[in-house]
Protein backbone atom coordinates (compact mmCIF):
# COMPACT_ATOMS: atom_id res chain seq x y z
CA MET A 1 157.56 197.95 80.59
CA THR A 2 159.28 199.82 83.44
CA TYR A 3 162.30 198.39 85.22
CA LYS A 4 160.17 197.72 88.34
CA LEU A 5 157.55 195.76 86.35
CA ARG A 6 160.24 193.73 84.58
CA LEU A 7 161.86 192.90 87.92
CA THR A 8 158.50 191.83 89.37
CA ALA A 9 157.78 189.59 86.35
CA ILE A 10 161.21 187.96 86.59
CA THR A 11 160.80 187.37 90.33
CA ILE A 12 157.38 185.73 89.83
CA GLY A 13 158.78 183.55 87.03
CA VAL A 14 161.65 182.35 89.20
CA LEU A 15 159.29 181.55 92.09
CA VAL A 16 156.95 179.57 89.80
CA ALA A 17 159.89 177.64 88.35
CA LEU A 18 161.23 176.80 91.80
CA THR A 19 157.79 175.68 92.96
CA LEU A 20 157.33 173.42 89.94
CA ALA A 21 160.80 171.97 90.37
CA HIS A 22 160.01 171.16 93.98
CA MET A 23 156.56 169.67 93.31
CA LYS A 24 157.51 167.79 90.09
CA PRO A 25 153.89 167.61 88.85
CA TRP A 26 154.95 165.44 85.92
CA GLN A 27 155.72 162.66 88.41
CA VAL A 28 153.20 160.61 90.38
CA ASP A 29 152.36 162.09 93.78
CA GLU A 30 153.07 159.16 96.12
CA ALA A 31 150.49 160.34 98.63
CA ARG A 32 147.73 160.54 96.05
CA ALA A 33 148.70 157.54 93.90
CA SER A 34 146.09 154.80 93.68
CA ARG A 35 147.19 151.48 95.16
CA LEU A 36 145.94 147.98 94.48
CA SER A 37 146.99 144.74 96.15
CA VAL A 38 147.15 141.73 93.83
CA GLY A 39 147.15 138.21 95.25
CA PHE A 40 149.63 135.54 94.17
CA LEU A 41 151.12 132.24 95.29
CA PRO A 42 154.89 131.59 95.07
CA VAL A 43 154.70 129.58 91.85
CA THR A 44 156.12 130.51 88.46
CA CYS A 45 152.57 130.56 87.05
CA HIS A 46 152.21 133.81 89.04
CA LEU A 47 155.67 135.24 88.35
CA THR A 48 154.36 138.29 86.51
CA CYS A 49 152.69 139.50 89.71
CA PRO A 50 155.86 140.16 91.73
CA VAL A 51 157.61 141.39 88.58
CA THR A 52 154.84 143.96 88.16
CA ASP A 53 155.19 144.90 91.83
CA PHE A 54 158.93 145.42 91.25
CA ALA A 55 158.29 147.46 88.09
CA THR A 56 155.61 149.61 89.69
CA LYS A 57 158.11 151.06 92.15
CA SER A 58 159.26 153.28 89.29
CA THR A 59 155.89 153.59 87.58
CA THR A 60 154.87 156.64 85.59
CA THR A 61 151.20 155.79 85.99
CA ALA A 62 148.76 156.77 88.70
CA THR A 63 148.50 153.23 90.12
CA HIS A 64 150.95 151.34 92.31
CA PHE A 65 150.50 147.55 92.32
CA GLU A 66 151.57 145.67 95.42
CA SER A 67 151.80 141.88 95.28
CA GLN A 68 150.25 140.09 98.26
CA ARG A 69 151.73 136.66 98.92
CA PHE A 70 149.48 133.75 99.92
CA THR A 71 150.47 130.16 100.59
CA GLU A 72 147.26 128.44 99.49
CA PHE A 73 144.14 129.22 97.48
CA ALA A 74 141.60 128.74 100.28
CA THR A 75 142.75 131.96 101.94
CA VAL A 76 142.76 133.75 98.59
CA VAL A 77 139.16 132.72 98.00
CA GLU A 78 138.04 133.98 101.42
CA ALA A 79 139.79 137.32 100.88
CA LEU A 80 138.24 137.62 97.42
CA LYS A 81 134.74 136.81 98.67
CA ALA A 82 135.02 139.33 101.52
CA ARG A 83 136.33 141.98 99.09
CA LYS A 84 139.52 142.27 101.11
CA LEU A 85 141.19 141.44 97.81
CA GLU A 86 139.93 142.82 94.49
CA ALA A 87 142.45 141.28 92.10
CA THR A 88 144.35 138.01 92.22
CA PHE A 89 145.77 135.10 90.29
CA LEU A 90 143.53 132.06 90.67
CA LEU A 91 143.24 128.51 89.35
CA ALA A 92 141.11 128.68 86.20
CA PRO A 93 138.60 125.98 87.27
CA LEU A 94 138.34 127.55 90.71
CA ALA A 95 137.56 130.91 89.12
CA MET A 96 134.78 129.20 87.17
CA VAL A 97 133.39 127.56 90.31
CA LEU A 98 133.34 130.91 92.15
CA ARG A 99 131.62 132.58 89.22
CA GLN A 100 129.03 129.80 89.17
CA GLN A 101 128.48 130.36 92.90
CA GLY A 102 127.70 134.02 92.24
CA VAL A 103 130.99 135.62 93.29
CA PRO A 104 131.23 138.72 91.03
CA ILE A 105 134.59 138.14 89.37
CA LYS A 106 135.79 138.26 85.77
CA ILE A 107 138.83 136.75 84.10
CA VAL A 108 140.73 139.65 82.51
CA TYR A 109 144.02 137.97 81.54
CA LEU A 110 146.09 134.80 81.92
CA GLY A 111 149.05 134.30 84.21
CA HIS A 112 151.12 132.04 81.96
CA ARG A 113 151.04 129.08 79.60
CA ASP A 114 152.47 125.65 80.44
CA GLY A 115 154.62 125.63 83.60
CA SER A 116 153.40 122.42 85.28
CA THR A 117 155.12 119.03 85.39
CA VAL A 118 154.30 115.40 86.22
CA MET A 119 157.05 113.95 88.41
CA VAL A 120 157.75 110.34 89.35
CA ARG A 121 160.43 108.92 91.62
CA LYS A 122 163.91 108.75 90.14
CA ASP A 123 163.87 104.93 90.20
CA SER A 124 160.35 104.62 88.77
CA THR A 125 159.98 102.50 85.63
CA ALA A 126 156.82 104.37 84.55
CA THR A 127 156.81 105.65 80.97
CA SER A 128 153.12 106.60 80.75
CA LEU A 129 150.09 107.26 82.92
CA ARG A 130 149.01 103.65 82.37
CA ASP A 131 152.02 102.56 84.40
CA LEU A 132 150.68 104.48 87.41
CA ARG A 133 147.59 102.29 87.81
CA GLY A 134 147.32 101.33 91.47
CA LYS A 135 149.83 104.02 92.46
CA THR A 136 149.39 107.07 94.69
CA PHE A 137 149.28 110.25 92.66
CA ALA A 138 149.27 113.67 94.36
CA ARG A 139 147.45 116.67 92.92
CA PRO A 140 147.11 120.21 94.37
CA SER A 141 143.33 119.82 94.64
CA LYS A 142 140.30 118.58 92.77
CA TYR A 143 139.85 122.16 91.53
CA SER A 144 143.32 122.42 90.02
CA ASN A 145 143.90 122.58 86.29
CA GLN A 146 146.53 119.89 86.81
CA TYR A 147 143.72 117.47 87.62
CA LEU A 148 141.93 118.54 84.43
CA VAL A 149 145.06 117.75 82.41
CA ILE A 150 145.24 114.31 84.04
CA THR A 151 141.54 113.84 83.27
CA LYS A 152 142.37 114.50 79.62
CA LEU A 153 145.35 112.13 79.77
CA MET A 154 143.19 109.40 81.33
CA ASP A 155 140.82 109.81 78.39
CA ASP A 156 143.70 109.62 75.93
CA GLN A 157 145.21 106.50 77.52
CA GLY A 158 142.06 104.65 78.56
CA VAL A 159 142.71 104.91 82.30
CA ARG A 160 139.75 105.12 84.70
CA PRO A 161 139.88 107.56 87.66
CA GLU A 162 139.34 104.75 90.17
CA GLU A 163 142.46 102.97 88.88
CA ILE A 164 144.70 105.66 90.37
CA ASN A 165 144.79 106.64 94.03
CA PHE A 166 144.53 110.43 93.83
CA VAL A 167 145.38 112.40 96.97
CA ASP A 168 145.30 116.15 97.58
CA LEU A 169 148.58 117.52 98.89
CA PRO A 170 149.94 121.07 99.38
CA PRO A 171 152.42 121.69 96.56
CA PRO A 172 155.37 122.54 98.87
CA ASP A 173 155.00 119.09 100.49
CA MET A 174 155.07 117.12 97.25
CA PRO A 175 158.85 116.86 96.65
CA SER A 176 159.55 115.58 100.17
CA ALA A 177 156.61 113.15 100.00
CA LEU A 178 157.99 111.75 96.74
CA ALA A 179 161.49 111.43 98.21
CA ALA A 180 160.08 109.63 101.27
CA GLY A 181 158.10 107.17 99.14
CA ALA A 182 154.75 108.37 100.51
CA ILE A 183 153.56 109.04 96.95
CA ASP A 184 154.56 107.60 93.60
CA ALA A 185 153.92 110.65 91.41
CA TYR A 186 152.67 114.21 91.51
CA PHE A 187 151.56 116.93 89.11
CA VAL A 188 152.06 120.53 90.13
CA GLY A 189 153.00 124.02 89.04
CA GLU A 190 156.66 124.98 89.15
CA PRO A 191 159.02 125.26 90.94
CA HIS A 192 157.71 122.42 93.13
CA ALA A 193 158.31 119.87 90.37
CA ALA A 194 161.81 121.09 89.52
CA LYS A 195 162.77 120.91 93.19
CA ALA A 196 162.66 117.09 93.08
CA GLU A 197 164.47 117.08 89.75
CA VAL A 198 167.27 119.30 91.06
CA ALA A 199 167.54 117.24 94.26
CA GLY A 200 167.88 114.06 92.21
CA THR A 201 164.89 112.37 93.86
CA GLY A 202 162.48 112.68 90.94
CA ARG A 203 162.34 112.75 87.16
CA VAL A 204 159.99 114.28 84.64
CA LEU A 205 157.31 111.99 83.23
CA TYR A 206 155.42 114.71 81.37
CA HIS A 207 155.56 118.46 80.98
CA ALA A 208 152.06 119.94 80.74
CA LYS A 209 152.81 121.16 77.22
CA ASP A 210 153.34 117.52 76.16
CA ILE A 211 149.77 116.62 77.17
CA TRP A 212 147.87 119.87 76.62
CA PRO A 213 149.73 122.34 74.39
CA ARG A 214 149.50 125.99 75.57
CA PHE A 215 148.14 124.74 78.88
CA VAL A 216 146.68 127.36 81.23
CA SER A 217 146.66 126.76 84.97
CA CYS A 218 145.99 130.19 86.43
CA VAL A 219 144.13 133.30 85.38
CA LEU A 220 144.07 136.90 86.55
CA VAL A 221 140.66 137.76 88.00
CA VAL A 222 139.23 141.03 89.34
CA ARG A 223 136.01 141.76 91.13
CA GLN A 224 133.24 143.34 89.04
CA GLU A 225 133.11 146.31 91.43
CA LEU A 226 136.70 147.18 90.52
CA ILE A 227 135.80 147.06 86.82
CA ASP A 228 132.77 149.27 87.39
CA GLU A 229 134.34 151.73 89.80
CA ARG A 230 137.97 151.94 88.62
CA PRO A 231 138.27 150.61 85.07
CA GLU A 232 141.45 152.63 84.50
CA VAL A 233 143.12 150.66 87.34
CA VAL A 234 142.12 147.34 85.74
CA ARG A 235 143.49 148.53 82.40
CA ASP A 236 146.73 149.57 84.09
CA LEU A 237 147.00 146.22 85.89
CA VAL A 238 146.50 144.12 82.76
CA ARG A 239 148.99 146.23 80.84
CA GLY A 240 151.49 145.86 83.70
CA ILE A 241 151.11 142.07 83.81
CA ALA A 242 151.41 141.84 80.01
CA GLU A 243 154.55 143.97 79.91
CA SER A 244 156.08 142.10 82.85
CA GLY A 245 155.50 138.84 80.99
CA GLU A 246 157.22 140.13 77.87
CA TRP A 247 160.15 141.36 79.96
CA ALA A 248 160.42 137.99 81.73
CA GLU A 249 160.51 136.18 78.37
CA ARG A 250 163.48 138.30 77.28
CA ASN A 251 165.25 138.31 80.66
CA ARG A 252 164.68 134.91 82.26
CA LEU A 253 167.67 134.91 84.62
CA ALA A 254 166.90 138.47 85.71
CA ALA A 255 163.25 137.49 86.24
CA ALA A 256 164.39 134.71 88.60
CA LYS A 257 166.47 137.26 90.51
CA VAL A 258 163.52 139.65 90.84
CA ALA A 259 161.02 136.95 91.88
CA ALA A 260 163.15 135.02 94.37
CA PRO A 261 162.72 137.44 97.33
CA TYR A 262 158.96 137.67 96.72
CA PHE A 263 158.65 133.88 96.46
CA ARG A 264 161.11 133.34 99.36
CA GLN A 265 162.70 130.62 97.26
CA ASP A 266 166.18 129.82 95.99
CA GLN A 267 167.08 131.95 92.97
CA LYS A 268 169.01 129.04 91.39
CA LEU A 269 165.87 126.87 91.51
CA LEU A 270 163.85 129.56 89.72
CA GLU A 271 166.62 129.96 87.16
CA PHE A 272 166.44 126.22 86.50
CA VAL A 273 162.67 126.36 85.97
CA LEU A 274 162.90 129.32 83.60
CA THR A 275 165.67 127.83 81.45
CA GLN A 276 165.53 123.99 81.62
CA PRO A 277 164.02 123.89 79.05
CA SER A 278 163.35 127.51 78.11
CA ASP A 279 159.76 126.70 77.10
CA ARG A 280 158.95 124.97 80.41
CA VAL A 281 156.77 128.00 81.17
CA SER A 282 155.75 130.84 78.87
CA TYR A 283 154.57 134.39 79.56
CA ARG A 284 153.43 135.28 76.07
CA HIS A 285 150.08 134.88 74.27
CA LEU A 286 148.19 135.47 77.50
CA THR A 287 144.87 136.58 76.03
CA PRO A 288 142.27 134.02 77.18
CA THR A 289 140.61 132.66 74.05
CA ASP A 290 137.16 131.11 73.82
CA ASP A 291 138.82 127.80 72.96
CA ASP A 292 141.00 127.99 76.08
CA LEU A 293 138.02 128.56 78.34
CA ARG A 294 135.76 126.02 76.65
CA SER A 295 138.46 123.33 76.88
CA ILE A 296 138.92 124.01 80.60
CA MET A 297 135.16 124.00 81.08
CA LYS A 298 134.79 120.72 79.17
CA TYR A 299 137.15 118.82 81.47
CA ALA A 300 135.89 120.64 84.59
CA LEU A 301 132.44 119.26 83.79
CA LYS A 302 133.85 115.81 83.13
CA ALA A 303 135.78 115.87 86.43
CA GLY A 304 132.64 116.93 88.32
CA ILE A 305 134.07 120.32 89.28
CA LEU A 306 131.42 122.35 87.45
CA GLU A 307 127.70 121.65 87.52
CA ARG A 308 126.96 123.29 84.17
CA GLU A 309 128.54 125.43 81.48
CA ILE A 310 129.03 129.14 82.09
CA GLU A 311 128.28 131.75 79.44
CA LEU A 312 131.62 133.21 78.37
CA ASP A 313 130.40 136.81 78.57
CA GLN A 314 129.70 136.16 82.27
CA LEU A 315 133.19 134.80 82.79
CA VAL A 316 135.69 136.89 80.83
CA ASP A 317 136.26 140.57 80.02
CA ARG A 318 138.94 141.22 77.39
CA ARG A 319 138.45 144.98 77.07
CA PHE A 320 141.54 145.81 79.09
CA ILE A 321 144.11 143.79 77.14
CA PRO A 322 146.59 146.07 75.29
CA ALA A 323 146.89 145.74 71.52
CA ASP A 324 150.67 146.15 71.63
CA ILE A 325 152.87 144.74 74.37
CA ALA A 326 156.32 146.17 75.03
CA PRO A 327 158.63 144.77 77.73
CA ALA A 328 158.40 146.49 81.10
CA ARG A 329 161.24 148.90 81.89
CA ILE A 330 163.01 147.04 84.66
CA THR A 331 166.57 147.10 85.95
CA PRO A 332 167.01 144.40 88.63
């Protein structure tokens, strides 16, 4: 090779190297990266959603997940029906109701296990649900899994629904209503229960895990169109939620720090929920089993939430759940 040819080859090589260094093709092109908004409410049942949002800012995948905060499920449902939202955390019985109504959604993962608490006033003498006969008991809604747990507890303790005055109340209003004496008890997802405990106005009567071990309140649902059109995004989302859950289990105080700005809540309150006790809410074993779904369906039917059973293959799609779950790579 002549000197001129060697010089040309070297020049071309340098230009190619500089171009590659500038473009960094091994990294995700921000402009071309796929984005997906995922709905959540500021409750610890949905903590893996903002954690995944935080983790995705340094993702090495082709999808960026952005958590979209809602304050109540009615708005989530409307956004889901209108396809303004294709993935969200949702109350399990509500997901079943929507599926029964023909909304094309599938449960692809769980949000948590446990993580809900029955609170009574600090000065209450109640030691069981029987002691709340004739009392006013707040629930998030008739469609909440908390009401299903209470339906189970009424069965267990021989209490009839008409013996308790159930009222629907937005979860953020429950602690103040208890402190004011407007209600005698409430059952809700955290941190709205712990808020009364920390303030000294309420005490724990039951943790959900005491009534219904491995209790599931919320599930991760996606629209069928997303599964059909972008299955790789669904797979990426489920993996991200799973890995965020494993990271949160190993780094509970750091998880509170990450979630607090997304929730717009006090970090110390979230730290309390995630550590007092440490199994108050769990982010492991989040594959929805047939037994999980059938148990929820059983009490949803008993509570009059569902009209009939739903075939499980119409309700759940487990294809996207990773076989091995490593903690997400997160540095708060």
